[in-house]
N, C-alpha and C. Protein backbone atom coordinates (compact mmCIF):
# COMPACT_ATOMS: atom_id res chain seq x y z
N MET A 1 -22.81 31.65 -13.53
CA MET A 1 -23.86 32.80 -14.42
C MET A 1 -23.75 31.93 -15.78
N PHE A 2 -22.01 31.47 -15.94
CA PHE A 2 -22.24 30.86 -17.10
C PHE A 2 -21.98 29.09 -17.11
N GLY A 3 -22.51 29.07 -16.07
CA GLY A 3 -22.82 27.72 -15.43
C GLY A 3 -21.41 26.84 -15.25
N PHE A 4 -20.05 27.85 -14.63
CA PHE A 4 -18.67 27.82 -14.24
C PHE A 4 -19.12 27.49 -12.95
N LYS A 5 -18.17 26.50 -11.99
CA LYS A 5 -18.44 26.35 -11.06
C LYS A 5 -16.59 26.07 -10.09
N GLY A 6 -16.25 26.63 -9.17
CA GLY A 6 -14.92 26.65 -8.78
C GLY A 6 -14.33 27.42 -9.19
N LYS A 7 -12.92 27.20 -9.43
CA LYS A 7 -11.85 27.79 -9.88
C LYS A 7 -11.20 27.90 -11.02
N TYR A 8 -12.07 27.58 -11.95
CA TYR A 8 -12.06 27.82 -13.48
C TYR A 8 -10.80 27.32 -13.99
N GLY A 9 -10.39 25.82 -13.39
CA GLY A 9 -9.22 24.96 -13.54
C GLY A 9 -8.17 25.85 -12.96
N ILE A 10 -7.72 26.37 -12.24
CA ILE A 10 -6.71 26.97 -11.67
C ILE A 10 -6.71 26.84 -10.20
N SER A 11 -5.77 26.25 -9.85
CA SER A 11 -5.39 25.68 -8.43
C SER A 11 -3.83 25.75 -8.10
N PHE A 12 -3.76 26.08 -6.45
CA PHE A 12 -2.75 26.12 -6.13
C PHE A 12 -3.22 24.85 -4.57
N SER A 13 -1.36 24.29 -4.45
CA SER A 13 -1.36 23.48 -3.55
C SER A 13 0.05 23.64 -2.71
N LEU A 14 0.07 24.14 -1.50
CA LEU A 14 0.99 24.27 -0.83
C LEU A 14 1.72 23.01 -0.39
N LYS A 15 0.77 21.99 0.07
CA LYS A 15 1.41 20.70 0.54
C LYS A 15 2.35 20.32 -0.58
N ARG A 16 1.68 20.29 -2.30
CA ARG A 16 2.68 19.95 -3.48
C ARG A 16 3.76 20.76 -3.62
N LEU A 17 3.53 21.81 -3.56
CA LEU A 17 4.67 22.88 -3.30
C LEU A 17 5.97 22.66 -2.17
N LEU A 18 5.60 21.77 -1.45
CA LEU A 18 7.05 21.70 0.00
C LEU A 18 7.03 20.40 -0.48
N GLY A 19 6.35 19.30 -1.13
CA GLY A 19 6.73 17.98 -1.25
C GLY A 19 6.07 17.16 -0.83
N ILE A 20 5.35 17.36 -0.10
CA ILE A 20 4.53 16.57 1.19
C ILE A 20 3.88 15.38 0.91
N THR A 21 3.44 15.86 -0.52
CA THR A 21 2.69 14.96 -1.34
C THR A 21 3.11 13.82 -2.09
N GLY A 22 4.17 14.06 -2.38
CA GLY A 22 5.17 13.28 -2.90
C GLY A 22 5.82 12.20 -2.34
N MET A 23 6.50 13.45 -1.06
CA MET A 23 6.37 12.24 0.00
C MET A 23 5.76 11.16 0.75
N LYS A 24 4.64 11.66 0.86
CA LYS A 24 3.59 10.63 1.62
C LYS A 24 3.39 9.80 0.55
N SER A 25 3.65 9.74 -0.66
CA SER A 25 3.32 8.55 -1.63
C SER A 25 4.12 7.85 -1.85
N SER A 26 5.46 8.62 -1.37
CA SER A 26 7.04 7.68 -1.78
C SER A 26 6.49 6.49 -0.43
N PHE A 27 6.57 7.08 0.75
CA PHE A 27 6.15 6.43 1.70
C PHE A 27 5.26 5.42 1.84
N ALA A 28 4.47 5.56 1.05
CA ALA A 28 2.78 4.38 1.37
C ALA A 28 3.54 3.55 0.37
N GLN A 29 4.35 3.55 -1.06
CA GLN A 29 4.65 3.01 -1.91
C GLN A 29 5.86 1.95 -1.64
N LYS A 30 6.84 2.55 -0.46
CA LYS A 30 7.93 1.95 -0.37
C LYS A 30 7.62 1.28 0.61
N THR A 31 6.61 0.88 2.12
CA THR A 31 6.24 0.31 2.91
C THR A 31 4.59 -0.18 2.74
N GLY A 32 4.04 -0.32 2.02
CA GLY A 32 2.66 -0.66 1.47
C GLY A 32 1.76 -0.31 2.99
N ILE A 33 1.58 0.81 3.49
CA ILE A 33 1.22 1.41 4.51
C ILE A 33 0.64 2.54 3.67
N PRO A 34 -0.95 2.58 3.65
CA PRO A 34 -1.68 3.50 2.62
C PRO A 34 -1.25 5.06 3.87
N THR A 35 -1.34 6.00 3.30
CA THR A 35 -1.07 7.27 3.92
C THR A 35 -2.59 8.45 4.04
N THR A 36 -3.94 7.39 3.27
CA THR A 36 -4.73 8.43 3.16
C THR A 36 -5.89 7.41 3.84
N LYS A 37 -7.15 7.88 4.63
CA LYS A 37 -7.79 7.72 5.43
C LYS A 37 -8.74 6.70 5.08
N GLY A 38 -9.21 6.56 4.12
CA GLY A 38 -9.88 5.58 3.18
C GLY A 38 -8.88 4.37 3.07
N GLY A 39 -7.97 4.67 2.36
CA GLY A 39 -6.69 3.35 2.31
C GLY A 39 -6.67 2.89 3.36
N LEU A 40 -6.01 3.45 4.55
CA LEU A 40 -5.99 2.94 5.83
C LEU A 40 -7.10 1.88 6.43
N GLU A 41 -8.59 2.37 5.99
CA GLU A 41 -9.67 1.90 6.85
C GLU A 41 -9.60 0.43 5.59
N ARG A 42 -10.02 0.71 4.69
CA ARG A 42 -10.01 -0.69 3.43
C ARG A 42 -8.33 -1.39 4.22
N LYS A 43 -7.41 -0.94 4.30
CA LYS A 43 -6.25 -2.42 4.51
C LYS A 43 -6.49 -3.08 5.94
N ILE A 44 -6.81 -2.12 7.10
CA ILE A 44 -7.36 -2.34 8.34
C ILE A 44 -8.80 -3.52 7.98
N GLY A 45 -9.97 -3.16 7.30
CA GLY A 45 -10.70 -4.41 7.09
C GLY A 45 -10.38 -5.38 6.24
N ARG A 46 -9.75 -5.33 5.07
CA ARG A 46 -9.05 -6.60 5.16
C ARG A 46 -8.57 -7.74 5.73
N THR A 47 -7.71 -6.75 6.75
CA THR A 47 -6.90 -7.14 7.62
C THR A 47 -7.65 -8.39 8.43
N ILE A 48 -8.77 -7.61 9.47
CA ILE A 48 -9.34 -8.22 10.52
C ILE A 48 -10.82 -9.58 9.30
N LEU A 49 -10.79 -8.84 7.95
CA LEU A 49 -11.59 -10.26 7.74
C LEU A 49 -10.73 -11.33 7.11
N ALA A 50 -9.89 -11.25 7.35
CA ALA A 50 -8.35 -12.41 6.34
C ALA A 50 -8.23 -12.94 8.17
N VAL A 51 -8.34 -12.36 9.36
CA VAL A 51 -8.38 -13.43 10.70
C VAL A 51 -9.21 -14.11 10.77
N PHE A 52 -10.67 -13.59 10.31
CA PHE A 52 -11.61 -14.61 10.97
C PHE A 52 -12.16 -15.39 9.65
N LYS A 53 -11.76 -15.48 8.16
CA LYS A 53 -12.19 -16.36 7.45
C LYS A 53 -11.40 -17.46 7.64
N PRO A 54 -11.97 -18.48 7.35
CA PRO A 54 -11.38 -19.59 7.77
C PRO A 54 -10.69 -20.43 6.51
N LYS A 55 -9.41 -20.66 6.65
CA LYS A 55 -8.14 -20.88 5.48
C LYS A 55 -9.12 -22.56 5.00
N LYS A 56 -8.99 -22.55 3.83
CA LYS A 56 -9.16 -24.39 2.99
C LYS A 56 -7.86 -24.81 2.90
């Protein structure tokens, strides 16, 4: 009606409340293993390319 879409800046996350988001972030920082699908795909892609890229 007034051009507003979504939740008007109010949101709730059960994962944040339970600390799951922070735990995943902490795990990813300590181990270097991404916990998101996109991050994991990028890391695997880089690893595969590094195997086939000739070293100088």
